[in-house]
């Protein structure tokens, strides 16, 4: 199965439940194929949780959802080692991260100690408990959600953890005609019951390999680096795009090109994906740290003023 065929099946499956959000469905699939994780920030009831559940059901992968609360412990995520009196041995009990798709719902409601338990899993696809390292399933994909309007009793994600999310996006509200279709779709029982797997975990693994082989011209690599360097010198920015962020843009651009039917990256791929990969990584001065609109303004200004290289991008 080609990447285009796979992505079309997944996006079409998601669109059966999440109406009018094909671009968001595409972003989620692109991030999955790029080997990254997604942070969705939006008001309650816009489909953040449903997106994760629909994607997991469409892949036919193992799915776990964990509600982040202040009393959630790191061991609830990673697992723990306990003494079994029957066997007289220490036994490891797996935590929620031992799955293919993990929904970390309202991630900013858990304490920093618990949030940090995800860092190793998200970046290295493994966890370490009591000095023993356990590999996670492949694929391993985290979709985390957070609510921007209820900040009491929350713990903002530290920059180190934000940097582990390949993209950050918002779902937004559907249009009027899409609401009407949504009411019809969700009025007859559980809509998720009508979703059947369209691919397997092995299909995802193969597609990820194909995405990694997409050609990136040297000039476009330099263009990506220039964009990142400008985020570090822009007015009002204390800390710009990290090295991990640059690599994320490259991996996402390759996956996006493959999803759109090309074996080479073009400048539009980078320009499209850059805001989703960069905005949440900027640390802004003057109280703008958590003002997403200001970060988007800075990124859009960089994209509109940085010269775009002109070349034959095909292999």
C-alpha atoms as a PDB file:
ATOM      1  CA  UNK A   1       0.000   0.000   0.000  1.00  0.00           C
ATOM      2  CA  UNK A   2       1.398   3.409  -0.970  1.00  0.00           C
ATOM      3  CA  UNK A   3       1.498   6.331   1.443  1.00  0.00           C
ATOM      4  CA  UNK A   4      -1.165   8.134  -0.611  1.00  0.00           C
ATOM      5  CA  UNK A   5      -3.523   5.157  -0.483  1.00  0.00           C
ATOM      6  CA  UNK A   6      -2.945   4.669   3.232  1.00  0.00           C
ATOM      7  CA  UNK A   7      -3.392   8.333   4.142  1.00  0.00           C
ATOM      8  CA  UNK A   8      -6.549   8.685   2.015  1.00  0.00           C
ATOM      9  CA  UNK A   9      -8.099   5.694   3.765  1.00  0.00           C
ATOM     10  CA  UNK A  10      -7.235   7.059   7.204  1.00  0.00           C
ATOM     11  CA  UNK A  11      -8.371  10.617   6.464  1.00  0.00           C
ATOM     12  CA  UNK A  12     -11.627   9.447   4.873  1.00  0.00           C
ATOM     13  CA  UNK A  13     -12.277   7.227   7.880  1.00  0.00           C
ATOM     14  CA  UNK A  14     -11.681  10.107  10.292  1.00  0.00           C
ATOM     15  CA  UNK A  15     -13.957  12.366   8.242  1.00  0.00           C
ATOM     16  CA  UNK A  16     -16.863  10.007   8.845  1.00  0.00           C
ATOM     17  CA  UNK A  17     -16.814  11.192  12.460  1.00  0.00           C
ATOM     18  CA  UNK A  18     -14.906  14.503  12.454  1.00  0.00           C
ATOM     19  CA  UNK A  19     -16.770  16.490   9.802  1.00  0.00           C
ATOM     20  CA  UNK A  20     -15.271  19.457   7.975  1.00  0.00           C
ATOM     21  CA  UNK A  21     -11.802  19.016   9.446  1.00  0.00           C
ATOM     22  CA  UNK A  22      -9.945  17.250   6.649  1.00  0.00           C
ATOM     23  CA  UNK A  23      -6.925  19.513   7.135  1.00  0.00           C
ATOM     24  CA  UNK A  24      -6.716  18.552  10.835  1.00  0.00           C
ATOM     25  CA  UNK A  25      -7.151  14.879  10.001  1.00  0.00           C
ATOM     26  CA  UNK A  26      -4.349  15.194   7.445  1.00  0.00           C
ATOM     27  CA  UNK A  27      -2.095  16.851  10.026  1.00  0.00           C
ATOM     28  CA  UNK A  28      -2.710  14.045  12.508  1.00  0.00           C
ATOM     29  CA  UNK A  29      -1.936  11.382   9.890  1.00  0.00           C
ATOM     30  CA  UNK A  30       1.177  13.244   8.698  1.00  0.00           C
ATOM     31  CA  UNK A  31       2.461  13.478  12.283  1.00  0.00           C
ATOM     32  CA  UNK A  32       1.776   9.776  12.834  1.00  0.00           C
ATOM     33  CA  UNK A  33       3.764   8.895   9.695  1.00  0.00           C
ATOM     34  CA  UNK A  34       6.560  11.282  10.725  1.00  0.00           C
ATOM     35  CA  UNK A  35       6.899   9.451  14.044  1.00  0.00           C
ATOM     36  CA  UNK A  36       5.829  12.406  16.166  1.00  0.00           C
ATOM     37  CA  UNK A  37       3.197  13.375  18.733  1.00  0.00           C
ATOM     38  CA  UNK A  38       0.328  15.866  18.608  1.00  0.00           C
ATOM     39  CA  UNK A  39      -0.791  18.465  21.141  1.00  0.00           C
ATOM     40  CA  UNK A  40      -4.319  19.787  20.557  1.00  0.00           C
ATOM     41  CA  UNK A  41      -5.454  22.880  22.430  1.00  0.00           C
ATOM     42  CA  UNK A  42      -9.057  23.988  22.156  1.00  0.00           C
ATOM     43  CA  UNK A  43     -12.213  24.605  24.128  1.00  0.00           C
ATOM     44  CA  UNK A  44     -14.202  21.566  25.339  1.00  0.00           C
ATOM     45  CA  UNK A  45     -16.393  19.669  22.899  1.00  0.00           C
ATOM     46  CA  UNK A  46     -14.581  20.439  19.631  1.00  0.00           C
ATOM     47  CA  UNK A  47     -13.572  16.856  18.841  1.00  0.00           C
ATOM     48  CA  UNK A  48     -10.080  16.533  20.306  1.00  0.00           C
ATOM     49  CA  UNK A  49     -10.781  13.228  22.050  1.00  0.00           C
ATOM     50  CA  UNK A  50     -12.885  11.919  19.172  1.00  0.00           C
ATOM     51  CA  UNK A  51     -10.048  12.568  16.712  1.00  0.00           C
ATOM     52  CA  UNK A  52      -7.698  10.358  18.722  1.00  0.00           C
ATOM     53  CA  UNK A  53     -10.260   7.581  19.159  1.00  0.00           C
ATOM     54  CA  UNK A  54     -11.260   7.608  15.497  1.00  0.00           C
ATOM     55  CA  UNK A  55      -7.639   7.474  14.329  1.00  0.00           C
ATOM     56  CA  UNK A  56      -6.912   4.530  16.635  1.00  0.00           C
ATOM     57  CA  UNK A  57     -10.033   2.685  15.463  1.00  0.00           C
ATOM     58  CA  UNK A  58      -9.108   3.338  11.819  1.00  0.00           C
ATOM     59  CA  UNK A  59      -5.610   1.919  12.236  1.00  0.00           C
ATOM     60  CA  UNK A  60      -6.817  -1.136  14.108  1.00  0.00           C
ATOM     61  CA  UNK A  61      -4.205  -0.374  16.757  1.00  0.00           C
ATOM     62  CA  UNK A  62      -4.350  -0.665  20.523  1.00  0.00           C
ATOM     63  CA  UNK A  63      -5.756   2.495  22.076  1.00  0.00           C
ATOM     64  CA  UNK A  64      -5.655   3.742  25.661  1.00  0.00           C
ATOM     65  CA  UNK A  65      -7.076   6.907  27.146  1.00  0.00           C
ATOM     66  CA  UNK A  66      -5.901   8.310  30.454  1.00  0.00           C
ATOM     67  CA  UNK A  67      -7.477  11.285  32.165  1.00  0.00           C
ATOM     68  CA  UNK A  68      -4.783  13.513  33.627  1.00  0.00           C
ATOM     69  CA  UNK A  69      -5.667  14.746  37.128  1.00  0.00           C
ATOM     70  CA  UNK A  70      -3.602  16.202  40.007  1.00  0.00           C
ATOM     71  CA  UNK A  71      -3.573  12.836  41.817  1.00  0.00           C
ATOM     72  CA  UNK A  72      -2.312  10.879  38.792  1.00  0.00           C
ATOM     73  CA  UNK A  73       1.059   9.238  39.535  1.00  0.00           C
ATOM     74  CA  UNK A  74       4.002   8.601  37.174  1.00  0.00           C
ATOM     75  CA  UNK A  75       3.579   4.865  37.782  1.00  0.00           C
ATOM     76  CA  UNK A  76       0.078   5.080  36.296  1.00  0.00           C
ATOM     77  CA  UNK A  77       1.752   5.957  33.003  1.00  0.00           C
ATOM     78  CA  UNK A  78       4.958   3.950  33.037  1.00  0.00           C
ATOM     79  CA  UNK A  79       4.008   1.006  35.237  1.00  0.00           C
ATOM     80  CA  UNK A  80       5.625  -0.259  38.413  1.00  0.00           C
ATOM     81  CA  UNK A  81       7.508  -3.202  39.870  1.00  0.00           C
ATOM     82  CA  UNK A  82       5.826  -4.968  42.794  1.00  0.00           C
ATOM     83  CA  UNK A  83       6.519  -8.048  44.883  1.00  0.00           C
ATOM     84  CA  UNK A  84       4.216 -10.967  44.124  1.00  0.00           C
ATOM     85  CA  UNK A  85       3.912 -13.080  47.308  1.00  0.00           C
ATOM     86  CA  UNK A  86       2.569 -16.066  45.340  1.00  0.00           C
ATOM     87  CA  UNK A  87       5.605 -16.394  43.083  1.00  0.00           C
ATOM     88  CA  UNK A  88       8.045 -14.865  45.537  1.00  0.00           C
ATOM     89  CA  UNK A  89       9.394 -12.635  42.748  1.00  0.00           C
ATOM     90  CA  UNK A  90       9.244  -9.017  41.689  1.00  0.00           C
ATOM     91  CA  UNK A  91       6.849  -8.501  38.768  1.00  0.00           C
ATOM     92  CA  UNK A  92       6.515  -5.542  36.398  1.00  0.00           C
ATOM     93  CA  UNK A  93       2.993  -4.297  35.729  1.00  0.00           C
ATOM     94  CA  UNK A  94       2.746  -2.253  32.544  1.00  0.00           C
ATOM     95  CA  UNK A  95       1.309   1.255  32.580  1.00  0.00           C
ATOM     96  CA  UNK A  96      -0.816   3.178  30.089  1.00  0.00           C
ATOM     97  CA  UNK A  97       2.092   3.972  27.741  1.00  0.00           C
ATOM     98  CA  UNK A  98       2.227   0.352  26.604  1.00  0.00           C
ATOM     99  CA  UNK A  99      -0.095   0.886  23.661  1.00  0.00           C
ATOM    100  CA  UNK A 100      -0.048   2.153  20.065  1.00  0.00           C
ATOM    101  CA  UNK A 101      -2.157   5.292  20.422  1.00  0.00           C
ATOM    102  CA  UNK A 102      -2.269   7.067  23.791  1.00  0.00           C
ATOM    103  CA  UNK A 103      -4.739   9.852  24.458  1.00  0.00           C
ATOM    104  CA  UNK A 104      -3.412  12.053  27.266  1.00  0.00           C
ATOM    105  CA  UNK A 105      -6.597  13.962  28.035  1.00  0.00           C
ATOM    106  CA  UNK A 106      -6.197  17.394  29.660  1.00  0.00           C
ATOM    107  CA  UNK A 107      -2.496  16.789  30.139  1.00  0.00           C
ATOM    108  CA  UNK A 108      -1.933  20.098  31.925  1.00  0.00           C
ATOM    109  CA  UNK A 109      -4.101  19.017  34.881  1.00  0.00           C
ATOM    110  CA  UNK A 110      -1.456  16.560  36.119  1.00  0.00           C
ATOM    111  CA  UNK A 111       1.531  17.624  38.227  1.00  0.00           C
ATOM    112  CA  UNK A 112       4.896  18.298  36.527  1.00  0.00           C
ATOM    113  CA  UNK A 113       6.262  15.087  38.043  1.00  0.00           C
ATOM    114  CA  UNK A 114       3.605  13.053  36.245  1.00  0.00           C
ATOM    115  CA  UNK A 115       3.899  15.055  33.025  1.00  0.00           C
ATOM    116  CA  UNK A 116       7.632  14.369  32.923  1.00  0.00           C
ATOM    117  CA  UNK A 117       6.983  10.621  33.020  1.00  0.00           C
ATOM    118  CA  UNK A 118       5.997  10.927  29.358  1.00  0.00           C
ATOM    119  CA  UNK A 119       9.219  12.597  28.204  1.00  0.00           C
ATOM    120  CA  UNK A 120      11.274   9.443  27.610  1.00  0.00           C
ATOM    121  CA  UNK A 121       8.323   7.635  26.042  1.00  0.00           C
ATOM    122  CA  UNK A 122       7.548  10.441  23.589  1.00  0.00           C
ATOM    123  CA  UNK A 123      11.120  11.045  22.464  1.00  0.00           C
ATOM    124  CA  UNK A 124      12.858   7.671  22.691  1.00  0.00           C
ATOM    125  CA  UNK A 125       9.858   5.310  22.436  1.00  0.00           C
ATOM    126  CA  UNK A 126      10.890   3.562  25.641  1.00  0.00           C
ATOM    127  CA  UNK A 127      10.499   3.881  29.402  1.00  0.00           C
ATOM    128  CA  UNK A 128      12.831   3.087  32.285  1.00  0.00           C
ATOM    129  CA  UNK A 129      11.499   1.741  35.591  1.00  0.00           C
ATOM    130  CA  UNK A 130      13.764   0.711  38.470  1.00  0.00           C
ATOM    131  CA  UNK A 131      16.786   0.758  36.178  1.00  0.00           C
ATOM    132  CA  UNK A 132      15.211  -1.524  33.563  1.00  0.00           C
ATOM    133  CA  UNK A 133      14.417  -0.162  30.094  1.00  0.00           C
ATOM    134  CA  UNK A 134      11.329  -1.356  28.235  1.00  0.00           C
ATOM    135  CA  UNK A 135      10.747  -0.721  24.540  1.00  0.00           C
ATOM    136  CA  UNK A 136       7.308   0.558  23.552  1.00  0.00           C
ATOM    137  CA  UNK A 137       5.145  -0.665  20.701  1.00  0.00           C
ATOM    138  CA  UNK A 138       5.693   0.520  17.137  1.00  0.00           C
ATOM    139  CA  UNK A 139       3.909   2.675  16.231  1.00  0.00           C
ATOM    140  CA  UNK A 140       3.656   4.662  19.470  1.00  0.00           C
ATOM    141  CA  UNK A 141       1.686   7.869  19.053  1.00  0.00           C
ATOM    142  CA  UNK A 142       0.588  10.378  21.710  1.00  0.00           C
ATOM    143  CA  UNK A 143      -2.292  12.777  21.198  1.00  0.00           C
ATOM    144  CA  UNK A 144      -2.516  15.122  24.165  1.00  0.00           C
ATOM    145  CA  UNK A 145      -5.255  17.666  24.791  1.00  0.00           C
ATOM    146  CA  UNK A 146      -5.459  20.740  26.939  1.00  0.00           C
ATOM    147  CA  UNK A 147      -8.145  23.322  27.595  1.00  0.00           C
ATOM    148  CA  UNK A 148      -7.006  26.966  27.220  1.00  0.00           C
ATOM    149  CA  UNK A 149      -9.985  28.538  29.021  1.00  0.00           C
ATOM    150  CA  UNK A 150      -9.867  26.732  32.380  1.00  0.00           C
ATOM    151  CA  UNK A 151      -6.503  27.500  33.970  1.00  0.00           C
ATOM    152  CA  UNK A 152      -7.332  27.064  37.677  1.00  0.00           C
ATOM    153  CA  UNK A 153      -5.725  23.927  39.050  1.00  0.00           C
ATOM    154  CA  UNK A 154      -3.582  23.360  35.975  1.00  0.00           C
ATOM    155  CA  UNK A 155       0.162  23.013  35.510  1.00  0.00           C
ATOM    156  CA  UNK A 156       1.445  24.585  32.263  1.00  0.00           C
ATOM    157  CA  UNK A 157       3.604  22.232  30.244  1.00  0.00           C
ATOM    158  CA  UNK A 158       7.318  23.031  30.600  1.00  0.00           C
ATOM    159  CA  UNK A 159       9.248  23.980  27.490  1.00  0.00           C
ATOM    160  CA  UNK A 160      11.113  20.664  27.492  1.00  0.00           C
ATOM    161  CA  UNK A 161       7.840  18.774  27.167  1.00  0.00           C
ATOM    162  CA  UNK A 162       6.318  21.148  24.609  1.00  0.00           C
ATOM    163  CA  UNK A 163       9.404  20.495  22.498  1.00  0.00           C
ATOM    164  CA  UNK A 164       8.534  16.778  22.478  1.00  0.00           C
ATOM    165  CA  UNK A 165       5.297  17.481  20.627  1.00  0.00           C
ATOM    166  CA  UNK A 166       5.982  17.553  16.915  1.00  0.00           C
ATOM    167  CA  UNK A 167       2.995  19.803  16.224  1.00  0.00           C
ATOM    168  CA  UNK A 168       0.394  21.787  18.099  1.00  0.00           C
ATOM    169  CA  UNK A 169      -2.991  22.443  16.544  1.00  0.00           C
ATOM    170  CA  UNK A 170      -6.543  23.535  17.333  1.00  0.00           C
ATOM    171  CA  UNK A 171      -9.687  21.834  16.034  1.00  0.00           C
ATOM    172  CA  UNK A 172     -11.994  24.846  15.791  1.00  0.00           C
ATOM    173  CA  UNK A 173     -15.772  24.800  15.315  1.00  0.00           C
ATOM    174  CA  UNK A 174     -17.461  23.283  12.239  1.00  0.00           C
ATOM    175  CA  UNK A 175     -19.394  25.388   9.744  1.00  0.00           C
ATOM    176  CA  UNK A 176     -23.204  25.564   9.873  1.00  0.00           C
ATOM    177  CA  UNK A 177     -23.804  22.968   7.153  1.00  0.00           C
ATOM    178  CA  UNK A 178     -21.259  20.677   8.796  1.00  0.00           C
ATOM    179  CA  UNK A 179     -23.102  20.969  12.113  1.00  0.00           C
ATOM    180  CA  UNK A 180     -26.274  19.727  10.411  1.00  0.00           C
ATOM    181  CA  UNK A 181     -24.468  16.678   9.011  1.00  0.00           C
ATOM    182  CA  UNK A 182     -22.829  16.127  12.400  1.00  0.00           C
ATOM    183  CA  UNK A 183     -26.210  16.042  14.150  1.00  0.00           C
ATOM    184  CA  UNK A 184     -27.458  13.477  11.647  1.00  0.00           C
ATOM    185  CA  UNK A 185     -24.292  11.382  11.979  1.00  0.00           C
ATOM    186  CA  UNK A 186     -24.204  11.321  15.776  1.00  0.00           C
ATOM    187  CA  UNK A 187     -27.936  10.959  16.438  1.00  0.00           C
ATOM    188  CA  UNK A 188     -28.055   7.217  15.685  1.00  0.00           C
ATOM    189  CA  UNK A 189     -26.056   5.509  18.437  1.00  0.00           C
ATOM    190  CA  UNK A 190     -22.307   5.597  18.909  1.00  0.00           C
ATOM    191  CA  UNK A 191     -20.731   6.797  15.663  1.00  0.00           C
ATOM    192  CA  UNK A 192     -17.441   5.063  16.514  1.00  0.00           C
ATOM    193  CA  UNK A 193     -19.153   1.687  16.264  1.00  0.00           C
ATOM    194  CA  UNK A 194     -19.365   2.248  12.500  1.00  0.00           C
ATOM    195  CA  UNK A 195     -15.606   2.710  12.136  1.00  0.00           C
ATOM    196  CA  UNK A 196     -13.671  -0.348  10.975  1.00  0.00           C
ATOM    197  CA  UNK A 197      -9.889  -0.629  10.623  1.00  0.00           C
ATOM    198  CA  UNK A 198      -8.587   0.398   7.204  1.00  0.00           C
ATOM    199  CA  UNK A 199      -4.958  -0.567   7.836  1.00  0.00           C
ATOM    200  CA  UNK A 200      -2.693  -2.366  10.296  1.00  0.00           C
ATOM    201  CA  UNK A 201       0.269  -1.339  12.416  1.00  0.00           C
ATOM    202  CA  UNK A 202       2.540  -2.994   9.850  1.00  0.00           C
ATOM    203  CA  UNK A 203       1.086  -0.731   7.139  1.00  0.00           C
ATOM    204  CA  UNK A 204       1.986   2.284   9.278  1.00  0.00           C
ATOM    205  CA  UNK A 205       5.543   1.013   9.766  1.00  0.00           C
ATOM    206  CA  UNK A 206       5.996   0.537   6.015  1.00  0.00           C
ATOM    207  CA  UNK A 207       4.555   3.992   5.274  1.00  0.00           C
ATOM    208  CA  UNK A 208       6.947   5.586   7.776  1.00  0.00           C
ATOM    209  CA  UNK A 209       9.876   4.014   5.928  1.00  0.00           C
ATOM    210  CA  UNK A 210       8.581   5.381   2.624  1.00  0.00           C
ATOM    211  CA  UNK A 211       8.265   8.872   4.136  1.00  0.00           C
ATOM    212  CA  UNK A 212      11.862   8.783   5.355  1.00  0.00           C
ATOM    213  CA  UNK A 213      12.999   8.119   1.777  1.00  0.00           C
ATOM    214  CA  UNK A 214      11.361  11.266   0.369  1.00  0.00           C
ATOM    215  CA  UNK A 215      14.007  13.498  -1.234  1.00  0.00           C
ATOM    216  CA  UNK A 216      14.869  16.812   0.441  1.00  0.00           C
ATOM    217  CA  UNK A 217      17.014  19.109  -1.695  1.00  0.00           C
ATOM    218  CA  UNK A 218      20.021  20.709   0.000  1.00  0.00           C
ATOM    219  CA  UNK A 219      18.656  24.201  -0.735  1.00  0.00           C
ATOM    220  CA  UNK A 220      15.446  23.352   1.118  1.00  0.00           C
ATOM    221  CA  UNK A 221      17.420  22.022   4.062  1.00  0.00           C
ATOM    222  CA  UNK A 222      19.266  25.349   4.185  1.00  0.00           C
ATOM    223  CA  UNK A 223      15.948  27.207   3.839  1.00  0.00           C
ATOM    224  CA  UNK A 224      14.561  25.339   6.856  1.00  0.00           C
ATOM    225  CA  UNK A 225      17.635  26.211   8.914  1.00  0.00           C
ATOM    226  CA  UNK A 226      17.371  29.902   7.929  1.00  0.00           C
ATOM    227  CA  UNK A 227      13.740  29.982   9.046  1.00  0.00           C
ATOM    228  CA  UNK A 228      14.711  28.440  12.376  1.00  0.00           C
ATOM    229  CA  UNK A 229      17.604  30.847  12.889  1.00  0.00           C
ATOM    230  CA  UNK A 230      15.325  33.814  12.272  1.00  0.00           C
ATOM    231  CA  UNK A 231      13.003  32.654  15.058  1.00  0.00           C
ATOM    232  CA  UNK A 232      15.977  32.971  17.420  1.00  0.00           C
ATOM    233  CA  UNK A 233      16.705  36.586  16.471  1.00  0.00           C
ATOM    234  CA  UNK A 234      13.150  37.869  16.012  1.00  0.00           C
ATOM    235  CA  UNK A 235      11.986  40.762  18.182  1.00  0.00           C
ATOM    236  CA  UNK A 236      10.256  39.620  21.333  1.00  0.00           C
ATOM    237  CA  UNK A 237      11.581  36.071  21.191  1.00  0.00           C
ATOM    238  CA  UNK A 238      13.685  34.799  24.092  1.00  0.00           C
ATOM    239  CA  UNK A 239      14.156  31.296  22.726  1.00  0.00           C
ATOM    240  CA  UNK A 240      13.528  30.212  19.148  1.00  0.00           C
ATOM    241  CA  UNK A 241      13.217  26.914  17.348  1.00  0.00           C
ATOM    242  CA  UNK A 242      15.385  24.127  18.767  1.00  0.00           C
ATOM    243  CA  UNK A 243      17.444  21.577  16.845  1.00  0.00           C
ATOM    244  CA  UNK A 244      14.703  19.051  17.606  1.00  0.00           C
ATOM    245  CA  UNK A 245      12.250  21.518  16.078  1.00  0.00           C
ATOM    246  CA  UNK A 246      14.275  21.765  12.855  1.00  0.00           C
ATOM    247  CA  UNK A 247      14.359  17.986  12.519  1.00  0.00           C
ATOM    248  CA  UNK A 248      10.616  17.887  13.185  1.00  0.00           C
ATOM    249  CA  UNK A 249       9.970  20.304  10.315  1.00  0.00           C
ATOM    250  CA  UNK A 250      12.062  18.127   7.988  1.00  0.00           C
ATOM    251  CA  UNK A 251      10.331  14.891   8.983  1.00  0.00           C
ATOM    252  CA  UNK A 252       6.893  16.472   8.746  1.00  0.00           C
ATOM    253  CA  UNK A 253       7.675  17.990   5.339  1.00  0.00           C
ATOM    254  CA  UNK A 254       8.786  14.610   4.009  1.00  0.00           C
ATOM    255  CA  UNK A 255       5.635  12.934   5.343  1.00  0.00           C
ATOM    256  CA  UNK A 256       3.410  15.704   3.952  1.00  0.00           C
ATOM    257  CA  UNK A 257       5.015  15.381   0.516  1.00  0.00           C
ATOM    258  CA  UNK A 258       4.447  11.612   0.551  1.00  0.00           C
ATOM    259  CA  UNK A 259       0.818  12.017   1.659  1.00  0.00           C
ATOM    260  CA  UNK A 260       0.269  14.452  -1.217  1.00  0.00           C
ATOM    261  CA  UNK A 261       1.729  12.037  -3.741  1.00  0.00           C
ATOM    262  CA  UNK A 262       5.305  13.255  -4.222  1.00  0.00           C
ATOM    263  CA  UNK A 263       8.683  11.634  -3.560  1.00  0.00           C
ATOM    264  CA  UNK A 264      10.321  15.021  -3.074  1.00  0.00           C
ATOM    265  CA  UNK A 265       9.726  18.036  -0.820  1.00  0.00           C
ATOM    266  CA  UNK A 266       8.773  21.439  -2.231  1.00  0.00           C
ATOM    267  CA  UNK A 267       8.941  24.848  -0.453  1.00  0.00           C
ATOM    268  CA  UNK A 268       5.164  24.887   0.071  1.00  0.00           C
ATOM    269  CA  UNK A 269       5.444  21.746   2.200  1.00  0.00           C
ATOM    270  CA  UNK A 270       7.840  23.494   4.561  1.00  0.00           C
ATOM    271  CA  UNK A 271       5.855  26.750   4.623  1.00  0.00           C
ATOM    272  CA  UNK A 272       2.617  24.885   5.385  1.00  0.00           C
ATOM    273  CA  UNK A 273       3.992  22.745   8.194  1.00  0.00           C
ATOM    274  CA  UNK A 274       6.344  25.307   9.792  1.00  0.00           C
ATOM    275  CA  UNK A 275       3.763  27.195  11.931  1.00  0.00           C
ATOM    276  CA  UNK A 276       2.366  23.967  13.401  1.00  0.00           C
ATOM    277  CA  UNK A 277       5.868  22.786  14.321  1.00  0.00           C
ATOM    278  CA  UNK A 278       7.308  26.123  15.482  1.00  0.00           C
ATOM    279  CA  UNK A 279       4.716  28.286  17.270  1.00  0.00           C
ATOM    280  CA  UNK A 280       4.472  26.245  20.478  1.00  0.00           C
ATOM    281  CA  UNK A 281       8.265  26.044  20.729  1.00  0.00           C
ATOM    282  CA  UNK A 282       8.830  29.809  20.915  1.00  0.00           C
ATOM    283  CA  UNK A 283       9.385  31.414  24.313  1.00  0.00           C
ATOM    284  CA  UNK A 284       8.331  35.042  24.062  1.00  0.00           C
ATOM    285  CA  UNK A 285       9.328  38.085  26.086  1.00  0.00           C
ATOM    286  CA  UNK A 286       7.101  40.676  27.695  1.00  0.00           C
ATOM    287  CA  UNK A 287       4.425  38.364  28.987  1.00  0.00           C
ATOM    288  CA  UNK A 288       3.724  36.828  25.586  1.00  0.00           C
ATOM    289  CA  UNK A 289       4.859  33.359  26.575  1.00  0.00           C
ATOM    290  CA  UNK A 290       1.404  31.806  26.371  1.00  0.00           C
ATOM    291  CA  UNK A 291      -0.066  34.045  23.664  1.00  0.00           C
ATOM    292  CA  UNK A 292      -0.362  31.765  20.668  1.00  0.00           C
ATOM    293  CA  UNK A 293      -1.558  34.606  18.429  1.00  0.00           C
ATOM    294  CA  UNK A 294       1.669  36.545  18.961  1.00  0.00           C
ATOM    295  CA  UNK A 295       3.790  33.504  18.106  1.00  0.00           C
ATOM    296  CA  UNK A 296       1.790  32.937  14.928  1.00  0.00           C
ATOM    297  CA  UNK A 297       2.302  36.573  13.958  1.00  0.00           C
ATOM    298  CA  UNK A 298       6.078  36.232  14.334  1.00  0.00           C
ATOM    299  CA  UNK A 299       6.187  32.972  12.352  1.00  0.00           C
ATOM    300  CA  UNK A 300       3.990  34.321   9.538  1.00  0.00           C
ATOM    301  CA  UNK A 301       6.181  37.405   9.268  1.00  0.00           C
ATOM    302  CA  UNK A 302       9.287  35.222   8.938  1.00  0.00           C
ATOM    303  CA  UNK A 303       7.670  33.034   6.291  1.00  0.00           C
ATOM    304  CA  UNK A 304       6.524  36.040   4.254  1.00  0.00           C
ATOM    305  CA  UNK A 305       9.891  37.815   4.275  1.00  0.00           C
ATOM    306  CA  UNK A 306      12.431  34.986   4.025  1.00  0.00           C
ATOM    307  CA  UNK A 307      13.447  34.445   0.355  1.00  0.00           C
ATOM    308  CA  UNK A 308      12.259  31.086  -0.986  1.00  0.00           C
ATOM    309  CA  UNK A 309      14.835  29.152  -3.012  1.00  0.00           C
ATOM    310  CA  UNK A 310      14.015  28.332  -6.625  1.00  0.00           C
ATOM    311  CA  UNK A 311      15.156  24.994  -8.009  1.00  0.00           C
ATOM    312  CA  UNK A 312      14.038  21.763  -9.634  1.00  0.00           C
ATOM    313  CA  UNK A 313      13.084  19.821  -6.524  1.00  0.00           C
ATOM    314  CA  UNK A 314      12.531  16.448  -8.157  1.00  0.00           C
ATOM    315  CA  UNK A 315      15.023  13.666  -7.603  1.00  0.00           C
END
